[in-house]
Amino acid sequence: MPTVLVTGGSGFIGSHAILQLLAAGHQVKTTVRSLKREGDVRALLKAGGAEPGGELSFFAADLEKDEGWADAVAGCDYVLHVASPFPSSIPKHEDELIIPARDGALRVLKAARDAGVKRVVMTSSFAAVGYGHAEQEKPFDETYWTDVGGSDVRPYIKSKTVAERAAWDFIEKEGGGLELSVVNPVAVFGPVLGPDYSTSILLVQRLMNGDMPGCPRVSFGVVDVRDVVDLHLRAMTDPAAKGERFIATVGDTMWIREMAETLKSRMGDAARRVPTKELPDFMVKLAGLADPEVKQIVPELGKYKNATNEKARRMLGWAPRSREDAVVATAESLLALGLLKPSK
């Protein structure tokens, strides 16, 4: 079986990628910023059902430094470049996100090219697709690119767009024989393996804990982390995926109120604190003045951005689970791991 490097093995998508690769019989290498994280990552994988064994090895490599990347990619057939900064609050300067995302992608691609890797699958985001545009009814597809000069483009969105464009430019001009495929997920939900998970999971946690007085008028695409990884693996080996982008979404966007109602209907007593009333926009804007996490969603109030997964289904046979199942799986895992507030 081919050897695969997963960058950012301690992250939400990265840890699930390792699980699926190990289950498929691959030799897996992964990067962490410090080898002190190896024990934590192995604990995450064990929680996800991985058997302890020698099929997984760890390498220290940082997106902002050259050291370690050559060793990490040595002997690999494929690379899943998943690692990217994603803070829960807006940084003081956009370059805190843009530079590591762009330069980190280029470091990985250069190392992969020099090591003779066949293909890199890069985790980009719907953030690189659907922003900076006038509102539209038509679903966004892979032909769209975010306009980084748009009024709704925040630093994270800009970082994902700049990094993906830089990756495609590198492949065109300096890639040699290296192939690139890109996956552009919408908001990623699904089962968490431990307390280190993506920012999108915080929404379900806050709903389940009753930390929100109501539901902001915000909607977004939803996809399960297990399906995001499945799409990466399909893009890794399918000849048709060479040079292509694939949006990872289930379908229609989901309003936060719909998420809350799904949790209420399917999680029973565990969801008794979930609010289902919709908050007026002015209340959310006021809350955003004091809460950096709330501030991030203010530009999205009332907006509707749909995307289509038709390309991934048609070209790669991808078949994701439902939006509702993804949201419920998130809540179930938070409950099982004791990551929700205890009952009174």
C-alpha atoms as a PDB file:
ATOM      1  CA  MET A   1       0.000   0.000   0.000  1.00  0.00           C
ATOM      2  CA  PRO A   2       1.205   3.549  -0.704  1.00  0.00           C
ATOM      3  CA  THR A   3       2.765   5.685   2.036  1.00  0.00           C
ATOM      4  CA  VAL A   4       0.836   8.875   2.810  1.00  0.00           C
ATOM      5  CA  LEU A   5       1.841  11.986   4.764  1.00  0.00           C
ATOM      6  CA  VAL A   6      -0.904  13.859   6.615  1.00  0.00           C
ATOM      7  CA  THR A   7       0.116  17.360   7.673  1.00  0.00           C
ATOM      8  CA  GLY A   8      -1.405  18.583  10.923  1.00  0.00           C
ATOM      9  CA  GLY A   9      -2.196  15.203  12.445  1.00  0.00           C
ATOM     10  CA  SER A  10      -3.405  16.718  15.710  1.00  0.00           C
ATOM     11  CA  GLY A  11      -6.228  18.627  14.021  1.00  0.00           C
ATOM     12  CA  PHE A  12      -9.865  17.659  13.554  1.00  0.00           C
ATOM     13  CA  ILE A  13      -9.666  16.715   9.866  1.00  0.00           C
ATOM     14  CA  GLY A  14      -6.073  15.479  10.150  1.00  0.00           C
ATOM     15  CA  SER A  15      -6.790  12.954  12.890  1.00  0.00           C
ATOM     16  CA  HIS A  16      -9.791  11.560  10.994  1.00  0.00           C
ATOM     17  CA  ALA A  17      -7.641  11.326   7.852  1.00  0.00           C
ATOM     18  CA  ILE A  18      -5.074   9.228   9.716  1.00  0.00           C
ATOM     19  CA  LEU A  19      -7.852   6.942  10.994  1.00  0.00           C
ATOM     20  CA  GLN A  20      -9.227   6.246   7.521  1.00  0.00           C
ATOM     21  CA  LEU A  21      -5.782   5.774   5.974  1.00  0.00           C
ATOM     22  CA  LEU A  22      -4.736   3.300   8.690  1.00  0.00           C
ATOM     23  CA  ALA A  23      -8.030   1.448   8.310  1.00  0.00           C
ATOM     24  CA  ALA A  24      -7.336   1.127   4.572  1.00  0.00           C
ATOM     25  CA  GLY A  25      -3.903  -0.379   5.277  1.00  0.00           C
ATOM     26  CA  HIS A  26      -1.648   2.546   4.368  1.00  0.00           C
ATOM     27  CA  GLN A  27       1.675   3.364   5.961  1.00  0.00           C
ATOM     28  CA  VAL A  28       1.024   6.827   7.412  1.00  0.00           C
ATOM     29  CA  LYS A  29       3.357   9.656   8.386  1.00  0.00           C
ATOM     30  CA  THR A  30       2.098  12.808  10.068  1.00  0.00           C
ATOM     31  CA  THR A  31       3.478  16.165  11.113  1.00  0.00           C
ATOM     32  CA  VAL A  32       2.981  17.954  14.410  1.00  0.00           C
ATOM     33  CA  ARG A  33       4.602  21.211  15.452  1.00  0.00           C
ATOM     34  CA  SER A  34       6.230  19.461  18.394  1.00  0.00           C
ATOM     35  CA  LEU A  35       6.861  15.768  18.964  1.00  0.00           C
ATOM     36  CA  LYS A  36       5.523  16.343  22.483  1.00  0.00           C
ATOM     37  CA  ARG A  37       2.084  16.115  20.816  1.00  0.00           C
ATOM     38  CA  GLU A  38       2.606  12.508  19.676  1.00  0.00           C
ATOM     39  CA  GLY A  39       1.043  11.022  22.810  1.00  0.00           C
ATOM     40  CA  ASP A  40      -1.988  13.304  22.512  1.00  0.00           C
ATOM     41  CA  VAL A  41      -2.523  12.387  18.874  1.00  0.00           C
ATOM     42  CA  ARG A  42      -2.188   8.670  19.543  1.00  0.00           C
ATOM     43  CA  ALA A  43      -4.793   9.048  22.314  1.00  0.00           C
ATOM     44  CA  LEU A  44      -7.145  10.780  19.845  1.00  0.00           C
ATOM     45  CA  LEU A  45      -6.675   7.990  17.324  1.00  0.00           C
ATOM     46  CA  LYS A  46      -7.258   5.317  19.950  1.00  0.00           C
ATOM     47  CA  ALA A  47     -10.508   7.081  20.873  1.00  0.00           C
ATOM     48  CA  GLY A  48     -11.418   6.845  17.196  1.00  0.00           C
ATOM     49  CA  GLY A  49     -10.807   3.105  17.119  1.00  0.00           C
ATOM     50  CA  ALA A  50      -7.246   2.925  15.754  1.00  0.00           C
ATOM     51  CA  GLU A  51      -5.143  -0.060  16.736  1.00  0.00           C
ATOM     52  CA  PRO A  52      -1.708   0.754  18.187  1.00  0.00           C
ATOM     53  CA  GLY A  53       1.035  -0.280  15.786  1.00  0.00           C
ATOM     54  CA  GLY A  54       3.994   0.662  13.672  1.00  0.00           C
ATOM     55  CA  GLU A  55       2.044   1.882  10.648  1.00  0.00           C
ATOM     56  CA  LEU A  56       2.118   5.491  11.908  1.00  0.00           C
ATOM     57  CA  SER A  57       5.195   7.697  12.403  1.00  0.00           C
ATOM     58  CA  PHE A  58       5.509  11.299  13.579  1.00  0.00           C
ATOM     59  CA  PHE A  59       7.654  14.159  12.328  1.00  0.00           C
ATOM     60  CA  ALA A  60       8.130  17.654  13.748  1.00  0.00           C
ATOM     61  CA  ALA A  61       7.425  20.316  11.120  1.00  0.00           C
ATOM     62  CA  ASP A  62       5.994  23.833  11.325  1.00  0.00           C
ATOM     63  CA  LEU A  63       4.207  25.654   8.482  1.00  0.00           C
ATOM     64  CA  GLU A  64       6.365  28.711   9.216  1.00  0.00           C
ATOM     65  CA  LYS A  65       9.744  26.939   9.101  1.00  0.00           C
ATOM     66  CA  ASP A  66      11.665  24.977   6.471  1.00  0.00           C
ATOM     67  CA  GLU A  67      13.058  22.402   8.910  1.00  0.00           C
ATOM     68  CA  GLY A  68      11.527  18.959   9.018  1.00  0.00           C
ATOM     69  CA  TRP A  69       9.546  18.936   5.790  1.00  0.00           C
ATOM     70  CA  ALA A  70      12.112  17.029   3.714  1.00  0.00           C
ATOM     71  CA  ASP A  71      12.207  14.234   6.306  1.00  0.00           C
ATOM     72  CA  ALA A  72       8.420  14.178   6.572  1.00  0.00           C
ATOM     73  CA  VAL A  73       7.796  13.695   2.841  1.00  0.00           C
ATOM     74  CA  ALA A  74      10.691  11.306   2.193  1.00  0.00           C
ATOM     75  CA  GLY A  75       9.418   8.008   0.768  1.00  0.00           C
ATOM     76  CA  CYS A  76       5.814   9.190   0.458  1.00  0.00           C
ATOM     77  CA  ASP A  77       3.602   8.461  -2.533  1.00  0.00           C
ATOM     78  CA  TYR A  78       0.926  10.976  -1.567  1.00  0.00           C
ATOM     79  CA  VAL A  79       0.503  13.969   0.756  1.00  0.00           C
ATOM     80  CA  LEU A  80      -2.722  15.201   2.329  1.00  0.00           C
ATOM     81  CA  HIS A  81      -1.951  18.821   3.216  1.00  0.00           C
ATOM     82  CA  VAL A  82      -4.572  19.461   5.874  1.00  0.00           C
ATOM     83  CA  ALA A  83      -2.733  21.749   8.311  1.00  0.00           C
ATOM     84  CA  SER A  84      -3.717  25.422   8.298  1.00  0.00           C
ATOM     85  CA  PRO A  85      -4.240  28.066  10.987  1.00  0.00           C
ATOM     86  CA  PHE A  86      -7.922  28.539  11.972  1.00  0.00           C
ATOM     87  CA  PRO A  87      -8.326  30.702  15.103  1.00  0.00           C
ATOM     88  CA  SER A  88     -11.583  31.202  16.982  1.00  0.00           C
ATOM     89  CA  SER A  89     -11.139  34.991  16.939  1.00  0.00           C
ATOM     90  CA  ILE A  90     -10.015  37.568  14.404  1.00  0.00           C
ATOM     91  CA  PRO A  91      -6.229  38.126  14.552  1.00  0.00           C
ATOM     92  CA  LYS A  92      -4.808  41.609  15.119  1.00  0.00           C
ATOM     93  CA  HIS A  93      -3.266  41.539  11.641  1.00  0.00           C
ATOM     94  CA  GLU A  94      -4.408  39.443   8.684  1.00  0.00           C
ATOM     95  CA  ASP A  95      -0.826  38.391   7.912  1.00  0.00           C
ATOM     96  CA  GLU A  96      -0.872  36.285  11.092  1.00  0.00           C
ATOM     97  CA  LEU A  97      -3.096  33.930   9.078  1.00  0.00           C
ATOM     98  CA  ILE A  98      -2.215  34.638   5.469  1.00  0.00           C
ATOM     99  CA  ILE A  99       1.559  34.145   5.670  1.00  0.00           C
ATOM    100  CA  PRO A 100       1.545  30.754   7.462  1.00  0.00           C
ATOM    101  CA  ALA A 101      -1.273  29.452   5.218  1.00  0.00           C
ATOM    102  CA  ARG A 102       0.364  30.541   1.946  1.00  0.00           C
ATOM    103  CA  ASP A 103       4.009  29.878   2.825  1.00  0.00           C
ATOM    104  CA  GLY A 104       3.132  26.633   4.576  1.00  0.00           C
ATOM    105  CA  ALA A 105       1.366  25.318   1.482  1.00  0.00           C
ATOM    106  CA  LEU A 106       4.358  26.251  -0.659  1.00  0.00           C
ATOM    107  CA  ARG A 107       6.777  24.562   1.754  1.00  0.00           C
ATOM    108  CA  VAL A 108       4.784  21.343   1.591  1.00  0.00           C
ATOM    109  CA  LEU A 109       4.488  21.461  -2.205  1.00  0.00           C
ATOM    110  CA  LYS A 110       8.200  22.146  -2.718  1.00  0.00           C
ATOM    111  CA  ALA A 111       9.187  19.337  -0.367  1.00  0.00           C
ATOM    112  CA  ALA A 112       6.723  16.972  -2.063  1.00  0.00           C
ATOM    113  CA  ARG A 113       8.014  17.854  -5.541  1.00  0.00           C
ATOM    114  CA  ASP A 114      11.638  17.385  -4.486  1.00  0.00           C
ATOM    115  CA  ALA A 115      10.835  14.007  -2.886  1.00  0.00           C
ATOM    116  CA  GLY A 116       9.080  12.673  -5.995  1.00  0.00           C
ATOM    117  CA  VAL A 117       5.599  12.541  -4.441  1.00  0.00           C
ATOM    118  CA  LYS A 118       2.917  11.660  -6.998  1.00  0.00           C
ATOM    119  CA  ARG A 119       0.057  13.890  -5.805  1.00  0.00           C
ATOM    120  CA  VAL A 120      -0.779  16.367  -3.061  1.00  0.00           C
ATOM    121  CA  VAL A 121      -4.387  16.778  -1.951  1.00  0.00           C
ATOM    122  CA  MET A 122      -4.744  20.156  -0.283  1.00  0.00           C
ATOM    123  CA  THR A 123      -7.506  21.093   2.131  1.00  0.00           C
ATOM    124  CA  SER A 124      -8.702  24.519   1.064  1.00  0.00           C
ATOM    125  CA  SER A 125     -12.165  25.775   1.969  1.00  0.00           C
ATOM    126  CA  PHE A 126     -15.454  27.085   0.628  1.00  0.00           C
ATOM    127  CA  ALA A 127     -13.922  30.315   1.963  1.00  0.00           C
ATOM    128  CA  ALA A 128     -11.844  30.337  -1.245  1.00  0.00           C
ATOM    129  CA  VAL A 129     -14.975  29.984  -3.391  1.00  0.00           C
ATOM    130  CA  GLY A 130     -18.051  31.871  -2.247  1.00  0.00           C
ATOM    131  CA  TYR A 131     -17.085  35.285  -0.825  1.00  0.00           C
ATOM    132  CA  GLY A 132     -16.726  38.755  -2.308  1.00  0.00           C
ATOM    133  CA  HIS A 133     -19.692  38.101  -4.621  1.00  0.00           C
ATOM    134  CA  ALA A 134     -23.120  39.661  -4.846  1.00  0.00           C
ATOM    135  CA  GLU A 135     -25.815  37.490  -3.303  1.00  0.00           C
ATOM    136  CA  GLN A 136     -27.102  34.881  -5.741  1.00  0.00           C
ATOM    137  CA  GLU A 137     -29.684  32.114  -5.836  1.00  0.00           C
ATOM    138  CA  LYS A 138     -27.538  29.874  -8.029  1.00  0.00           C
ATOM    139  CA  PRO A 139     -25.347  27.465  -5.996  1.00  0.00           C
ATOM    140  CA  PHE A 140     -21.618  28.120  -6.087  1.00  0.00           C
ATOM    141  CA  ASP A 141     -19.513  25.534  -7.896  1.00  0.00           C
ATOM    142  CA  GLU A 142     -15.771  24.985  -8.330  1.00  0.00           C
ATOM    143  CA  THR A 143     -15.468  27.587 -11.107  1.00  0.00           C
ATOM    144  CA  TYR A 144     -15.984  30.408  -8.577  1.00  0.00           C
ATOM    145  CA  TRP A 145     -13.140  32.088  -6.700  1.00  0.00           C
ATOM    146  CA  THR A 146     -13.497  34.411  -3.719  1.00  0.00           C
ATOM    147  CA  ASP A 147     -12.770  38.063  -4.526  1.00  0.00           C
ATOM    148  CA  VAL A 148     -10.379  38.986  -1.731  1.00  0.00           C
ATOM    149  CA  GLY A 149     -11.332  42.650  -2.109  1.00  0.00           C
ATOM    150  CA  GLY A 150     -14.935  41.942  -1.113  1.00  0.00           C
ATOM    151  CA  SER A 151     -16.488  43.615   1.936  1.00  0.00           C
ATOM    152  CA  ASP A 152     -17.349  40.243   3.514  1.00  0.00           C
ATOM    153  CA  VAL A 153     -13.792  38.875   3.229  1.00  0.00           C
ATOM    154  CA  ARG A 154     -12.254  38.451   6.672  1.00  0.00           C
ATOM    155  CA  PRO A 155      -8.640  37.382   7.338  1.00  0.00           C
ATOM    156  CA  TYR A 156      -9.360  33.634   7.489  1.00  0.00           C
ATOM    157  CA  ILE A 157     -11.271  33.752   4.192  1.00  0.00           C
ATOM    158  CA  LYS A 158      -8.463  35.717   2.564  1.00  0.00           C
ATOM    159  CA  SER A 159      -5.828  33.316   3.910  1.00  0.00           C
ATOM    160  CA  LYS A 160      -7.523  30.256   2.388  1.00  0.00           C
ATOM    161  CA  THR A 161      -7.995  32.002  -0.965  1.00  0.00           C
ATOM    162  CA  VAL A 162      -4.427  33.315  -1.162  1.00  0.00           C
ATOM    163  CA  ALA A 163      -2.977  29.937  -0.101  1.00  0.00           C
ATOM    164  CA  GLU A 164      -4.973  27.952  -2.657  1.00  0.00           C
ATOM    165  CA  ARG A 165      -4.168  30.357  -5.503  1.00  0.00           C
ATOM    166  CA  ALA A 166      -0.476  30.194  -4.555  1.00  0.00           C
ATOM    167  CA  ALA A 167      -0.621  26.386  -4.665  1.00  0.00           C
ATOM    168  CA  TRP A 168      -2.126  26.289  -8.156  1.00  0.00           C
ATOM    169  CA  ASP A 169       0.396  28.881  -9.374  1.00  0.00           C
ATOM    170  CA  PHE A 170       3.267  26.800  -7.973  1.00  0.00           C
ATOM    171  CA  ILE A 171       2.050  23.633  -9.701  1.00  0.00           C
ATOM    172  CA  GLU A 172       1.717  25.468 -13.009  1.00  0.00           C
ATOM    173  CA  LYS A 173       5.126  27.157 -12.879  1.00  0.00           C
ATOM    174  CA  GLU A 174       7.364  25.021 -10.663  1.00  0.00           C
ATOM    175  CA  GLY A 175       5.526  21.773  -9.967  1.00  0.00           C
ATOM    176  CA  GLY A 176       7.529  19.505 -12.246  1.00  0.00           C
ATOM    177  CA  GLY A 177       5.703  16.179 -12.266  1.00  0.00           C
ATOM    178  CA  LEU A 178       3.802  16.840  -9.030  1.00  0.00           C
ATOM    179  CA  GLU A 179       0.011  16.624  -9.260  1.00  0.00           C
ATOM    180  CA  LEU A 180      -2.428  18.674  -7.166  1.00  0.00           C
ATOM    181  CA  SER A 181      -6.064  18.177  -6.191  1.00  0.00           C
ATOM    182  CA  VAL A 182      -7.945  20.469  -3.828  1.00  0.00           C
ATOM    183  CA  VAL A 183     -10.913  19.858  -1.502  1.00  0.00           C
ATOM    184  CA  ASN A 184     -13.003  22.897  -0.500  1.00  0.00           C
ATOM    185  CA  PRO A 185     -15.160  21.973   2.516  1.00  0.00           C
ATOM    186  CA  VAL A 186     -17.966  24.079   3.919  1.00  0.00           C
ATOM    187  CA  ALA A 187     -18.353  24.089   7.740  1.00  0.00           C
ATOM    188  CA  VAL A 188     -17.069  20.741   9.023  1.00  0.00           C
ATOM    189  CA  PHE A 189     -18.975  18.872  11.746  1.00  0.00           C
ATOM    190  CA  GLY A 190     -19.074  15.239  12.847  1.00  0.00           C
ATOM    191  CA  PRO A 191     -17.597  13.208  15.711  1.00  0.00           C
ATOM    192  CA  VAL A 192     -14.832  14.841  17.715  1.00  0.00           C
ATOM    193  CA  LEU A 193     -12.148  12.549  19.111  1.00  0.00           C
ATOM    194  CA  GLY A 194     -10.975  14.808  21.936  1.00  0.00           C
ATOM    195  CA  PRO A 195     -10.907  18.410  23.188  1.00  0.00           C
ATOM    196  CA  ASP A 196      -8.786  19.671  20.241  1.00  0.00           C
ATOM    197  CA  TYR A 197     -11.284  20.303  17.446  1.00  0.00           C
ATOM    198  CA  SER A 198     -12.246  22.831  14.791  1.00  0.00           C
ATOM    199  CA  THR A 199     -13.880  26.175  15.460  1.00  0.00           C
ATOM    200  CA  SER A 200     -17.138  25.086  13.777  1.00  0.00           C
ATOM    201  CA  ILE A 201     -17.654  22.479  16.524  1.00  0.00           C
ATOM    202  CA  LEU A 202     -17.844  25.270  19.106  1.00  0.00           C
ATOM    203  CA  LEU A 203     -21.249  26.245  17.701  1.00  0.00           C
ATOM    204  CA  VAL A 204     -22.784  22.865  18.532  1.00  0.00           C
ATOM    205  CA  GLN A 205     -21.085  22.893  21.929  1.00  0.00           C
ATOM    206  CA  ARG A 206     -22.493  26.331  22.731  1.00  0.00           C
ATOM    207  CA  LEU A 207     -25.980  25.340  21.559  1.00  0.00           C
ATOM    208  CA  MET A 208     -25.943  22.157  23.652  1.00  0.00           C
ATOM    209  CA  ASN A 209     -24.623  24.024  26.704  1.00  0.00           C
ATOM    210  CA  GLY A 210     -27.286  26.712  26.430  1.00  0.00           C
ATOM    211  CA  ASP A 211     -24.546  29.336  26.170  1.00  0.00           C
ATOM    212  CA  MET A 212     -26.444  31.217  23.470  1.00  0.00           C
ATOM    213  CA  PRO A 213     -29.662  33.113  24.277  1.00  0.00           C
ATOM    214  CA  GLY A 214     -31.006  32.229  20.847  1.00  0.00           C
ATOM    215  CA  CYS A 215     -30.079  31.477  17.258  1.00  0.00           C
ATOM    216  CA  PRO A 216     -28.424  34.134  15.087  1.00  0.00           C
ATOM    217  CA  ARG A 217     -29.838  34.427  11.560  1.00  0.00           C
ATOM    218  CA  VAL A 218     -26.825  32.727  10.024  1.00  0.00           C
ATOM    219  CA  SER A 219     -26.725  29.823   7.595  1.00  0.00           C
ATOM    220  CA  PHE A 220     -23.853  27.825   6.139  1.00  0.00           C
ATOM    221  CA  GLY A 221     -23.117  24.608   4.352  1.00  0.00           C
ATOM    222  CA  VAL A 222     -22.638  21.520   6.520  1.00  0.00           C
ATOM    223  CA  VAL A 223     -20.500  18.419   5.937  1.00  0.00           C
ATOM    224  CA  ASP A 224     -19.325  15.553   8.138  1.00  0.00           C
ATOM    225  CA  VAL A 225     -15.568  15.283   8.776  1.00  0.00           C
ATOM    226  CA  ARG A 226     -15.647  11.581   7.825  1.00  0.00           C
ATOM    227  CA  ASP A 227     -17.048  12.482   4.409  1.00  0.00           C
ATOM    228  CA  VAL A 228     -14.495  15.279   3.967  1.00  0.00           C
ATOM    229  CA  VAL A 229     -11.728  12.731   4.534  1.00  0.00           C
ATOM    230  CA  ASP A 230     -13.407  10.218   2.211  1.00  0.00           C
ATOM    231  CA  LEU A 231     -13.360  12.874  -0.526  1.00  0.00           C
ATOM    232  CA  HIS A 232      -9.641  13.524   0.134  1.00  0.00           C
ATOM    233  CA  LEU A 233      -8.887   9.825  -0.270  1.00  0.00           C
ATOM    234  CA  ARG A 234     -10.867   9.615  -3.496  1.00  0.00           C
ATOM    235  CA  ALA A 235      -9.085  12.708  -4.831  1.00  0.00           C
ATOM    236  CA  MET A 236      -5.744  11.192  -3.793  1.00  0.00           C
ATOM    237  CA  THR A 237      -5.891   8.181  -6.073  1.00  0.00           C
ATOM    238  CA  ASP A 238      -8.495   8.789  -8.788  1.00  0.00           C
ATOM    239  CA  PRO A 239      -6.815   9.796 -12.075  1.00  0.00           C
ATOM    240  CA  ALA A 240      -9.785  12.073 -12.849  1.00  0.00           C
ATOM    241  CA  ALA A 241      -9.010  14.239  -9.799  1.00  0.00           C
ATOM    242  CA  LYS A 242      -5.671  15.499 -11.124  1.00  0.00           C
ATOM    243  CA  GLY A 243      -5.725  19.296 -11.343  1.00  0.00           C
ATOM    244  CA  GLU A 244      -9.286  19.576  -9.991  1.00  0.00           C
ATOM    245  CA  ARG A 245     -11.049  21.288  -7.075  1.00  0.00           C
ATOM    246  CA  PHE A 246     -13.975  19.640  -5.274  1.00  0.00           C
ATOM    247  CA  ILE A 247     -16.475  21.368  -2.978  1.00  0.00           C
ATOM    248  CA  ALA A 248     -17.312  19.193   0.026  1.00  0.00           C
ATOM    249  CA  THR A 249     -20.880  19.986   1.049  1.00  0.00           C
ATOM    250  CA  VAL A 250     -24.044  18.005   1.638  1.00  0.00           C
ATOM    251  CA  GLY A 251     -26.331  20.375  -0.235  1.00  0.00           C
ATOM    252  CA  ASP A 252     -28.574  23.190   0.937  1.00  0.00           C
ATOM    253  CA  THR A 253     -27.204  25.447   3.647  1.00  0.00           C
ATOM    254  CA  MET A 254     -28.492  25.038   7.181  1.00  0.00           C
ATOM    255  CA  TRP A 255     -29.675  27.893   9.381  1.00  0.00           C
ATOM    256  CA  ILE A 256     -28.464  27.792  12.978  1.00  0.00           C
ATOM    257  CA  ARG A 257     -32.120  27.590  14.039  1.00  0.00           C
ATOM    258  CA  GLU A 258     -32.500  24.428  11.909  1.00  0.00           C
ATOM    259  CA  MET A 259     -29.442  22.953  13.625  1.00  0.00           C
ATOM    260  CA  ALA A 260     -30.950  23.744  17.013  1.00  0.00           C
ATOM    261  CA  GLU A 261     -34.277  22.161  16.089  1.00  0.00           C
ATOM    262  CA  THR A 262     -32.471  19.049  14.819  1.00  0.00           C
ATOM    263  CA  LEU A 263     -30.606  18.722  18.108  1.00  0.00           C
ATOM    264  CA  LYS A 264     -33.842  19.211  20.074  1.00  0.00           C
ATOM    265  CA  SER A 265     -35.672  16.532  18.117  1.00  0.00           C
ATOM    266  CA  ARG A 266     -32.910  13.901  18.077  1.00  0.00           C
ATOM    267  CA  MET A 267     -30.852  14.372  21.254  1.00  0.00           C
ATOM    268  CA  GLY A 268     -33.681  14.107  23.785  1.00  0.00           C
ATOM    269  CA  ASP A 269     -33.053  15.355  27.307  1.00  0.00           C
ATOM    270  CA  ALA A 270     -29.382  16.048  26.546  1.00  0.00           C
ATOM    271  CA  ALA A 271     -30.562  18.933  24.315  1.00  0.00           C
ATOM    272  CA  ARG A 272     -32.939  20.523  26.812  1.00  0.00           C
ATOM    273  CA  ARG A 273     -30.753  23.667  27.036  1.00  0.00           C
ATOM    274  CA  VAL A 274     -30.629  24.204  23.269  1.00  0.00           C
ATOM    275  CA  PRO A 275     -32.344  27.509  22.334  1.00  0.00           C
ATOM    276  CA  THR A 276     -34.611  27.507  19.278  1.00  0.00           C
ATOM    277  CA  LYS A 277     -35.828  31.121  19.129  1.00  0.00           C
ATOM    278  CA  GLU A 278     -34.224  33.350  16.502  1.00  0.00           C
ATOM    279  CA  LEU A 279     -32.233  36.350  17.687  1.00  0.00           C
ATOM    280  CA  PRO A 280     -32.758  39.795  16.132  1.00  0.00           C
ATOM    281  CA  ASP A 281     -29.713  40.931  14.163  1.00  0.00           C
ATOM    282  CA  PHE A 282     -29.139  43.981  16.378  1.00  0.00           C
ATOM    283  CA  MET A 283     -28.684  41.749  19.442  1.00  0.00           C
ATOM    284  CA  VAL A 284     -26.035  39.666  17.664  1.00  0.00           C
ATOM    285  CA  LYS A 285     -24.209  42.814  16.552  1.00  0.00           C
ATOM    286  CA  LEU A 286     -24.221  44.130  20.126  1.00  0.00           C
ATOM    287  CA  ALA A 287     -22.886  40.804  21.432  1.00  0.00           C
ATOM    288  CA  GLY A 288     -20.158  40.914  18.799  1.00  0.00           C
ATOM    289  CA  LEU A 289     -18.753  44.075  20.341  1.00  0.00           C
ATOM    290  CA  ALA A 290     -17.732  42.061  23.410  1.00  0.00           C
ATOM    291  CA  ASP A 291     -17.282  38.528  22.026  1.00  0.00           C
ATOM    292  CA  PRO A 292     -14.671  37.975  19.246  1.00  0.00           C
ATOM    293  CA  GLU A 293     -16.271  34.660  18.245  1.00  0.00           C
ATOM    294  CA  VAL A 294     -19.657  36.328  17.749  1.00  0.00           C
ATOM    295  CA  LYS A 295     -17.996  39.196  15.868  1.00  0.00           C
ATOM    296  CA  GLN A 296     -16.835  36.708  13.212  1.00  0.00           C
ATOM    297  CA  ILE A 297     -20.408  35.825  12.217  1.00  0.00           C
ATOM    298  CA  VAL A 298     -21.845  39.361  12.120  1.00  0.00           C
ATOM    299  CA  PRO A 299     -21.037  39.854   8.388  1.00  0.00           C
ATOM    300  CA  GLU A 300     -23.013  36.656   7.633  1.00  0.00           C
ATOM    301  CA  LEU A 301     -26.300  37.715   9.249  1.00  0.00           C
ATOM    302  CA  GLY A 302     -29.217  36.969   6.942  1.00  0.00           C
ATOM    303  CA  LYS A 303     -27.008  35.872   4.048  1.00  0.00           C
ATOM    304  CA  TYR A 304     -27.597  32.722   2.047  1.00  0.00           C
ATOM    305  CA  LYS A 305     -24.676  31.023   0.289  1.00  0.00           C
ATOM    306  CA  ASN A 306     -25.461  27.671  -1.282  1.00  0.00           C
ATOM    307  CA  ALA A 307     -22.955  25.345  -2.925  1.00  0.00           C
ATOM    308  CA  THR A 308     -23.239  22.196  -5.018  1.00  0.00           C
ATOM    309  CA  ASN A 309     -21.436  18.862  -4.605  1.00  0.00           C
ATOM    310  CA  GLU A 310     -22.433  17.691  -8.090  1.00  0.00           C
ATOM    311  CA  LYS A 311     -18.828  17.535  -9.326  1.00  0.00           C
ATOM    312  CA  ALA A 312     -17.587  15.338  -6.464  1.00  0.00           C
ATOM    313  CA  ARG A 313     -20.559  13.003  -6.844  1.00  0.00           C
ATOM    314  CA  ARG A 314     -20.253  12.755 -10.628  1.00  0.00           C
ATOM    315  CA  MET A 315     -16.463  12.474 -10.979  1.00  0.00           C
ATOM    316  CA  LEU A 316     -15.499  10.611  -7.806  1.00  0.00           C
ATOM    317  CA  GLY A 317     -18.664   8.776  -6.730  1.00  0.00           C
ATOM    318  CA  TRP A 318     -18.749  10.688  -3.448  1.00  0.00           C
ATOM    319  CA  ALA A 319     -21.887  10.152  -1.347  1.00  0.00           C
ATOM    320  CA  PRO A 320     -21.941  12.162   1.924  1.00  0.00           C
ATOM    321  CA  ARG A 321     -24.282  11.559   4.863  1.00  0.00           C
ATOM    322  CA  SER A 322     -27.030  14.072   5.688  1.00  0.00           C
ATOM    323  CA  ARG A 323     -26.610  17.499   7.279  1.00  0.00           C
ATOM    324  CA  GLU A 324     -28.691  16.386  10.235  1.00  0.00           C
ATOM    325  CA  ASP A 325     -26.589  13.270  10.844  1.00  0.00           C
ATOM    326  CA  ALA A 326     -23.401  15.366  10.796  1.00  0.00           C
ATOM    327  CA  VAL A 327     -24.746  17.812  13.399  1.00  0.00           C
ATOM    328  CA  VAL A 328     -26.117  15.067  15.642  1.00  0.00           C
ATOM    329  CA  ALA A 329     -22.850  13.087  15.457  1.00  0.00           C
ATOM    330  CA  THR A 330     -21.062  16.205  16.712  1.00  0.00           C
ATOM    331  CA  ALA A 331     -23.338  16.537  19.723  1.00  0.00           C
ATOM    332  CA  GLU A 332     -23.231  12.809  20.508  1.00  0.00           C
ATOM    333  CA  SER A 333     -19.430  12.809  20.579  1.00  0.00           C
ATOM    334  CA  LEU A 334     -19.242  15.939  22.751  1.00  0.00           C
ATOM    335  CA  LEU A 335     -21.642  14.265  25.175  1.00  0.00           C
ATOM    336  CA  ALA A 336     -19.753  10.947  25.178  1.00  0.00           C
ATOM    337  CA  LEU A 337     -16.400  12.647  25.829  1.00  0.00           C
ATOM    338  CA  GLY A 338     -17.734  14.766  28.676  1.00  0.00           C
ATOM    339  CA  LEU A 339     -17.157  18.008  26.750  1.00  0.00           C
ATOM    340  CA  LEU A 340     -20.549  19.478  27.604  1.00  0.00           C
ATOM    341  CA  LYS A 341     -21.577  21.211  30.818  1.00  0.00           C
ATOM    342  CA  PRO A 342     -22.759  18.700  33.417  1.00  0.00           C
ATOM    343  CA  SER A 343     -26.470  18.387  34.075  1.00  0.00           C
ATOM    344  CA  LYS A 344     -27.814  20.316  37.037  1.00  0.00           C
END
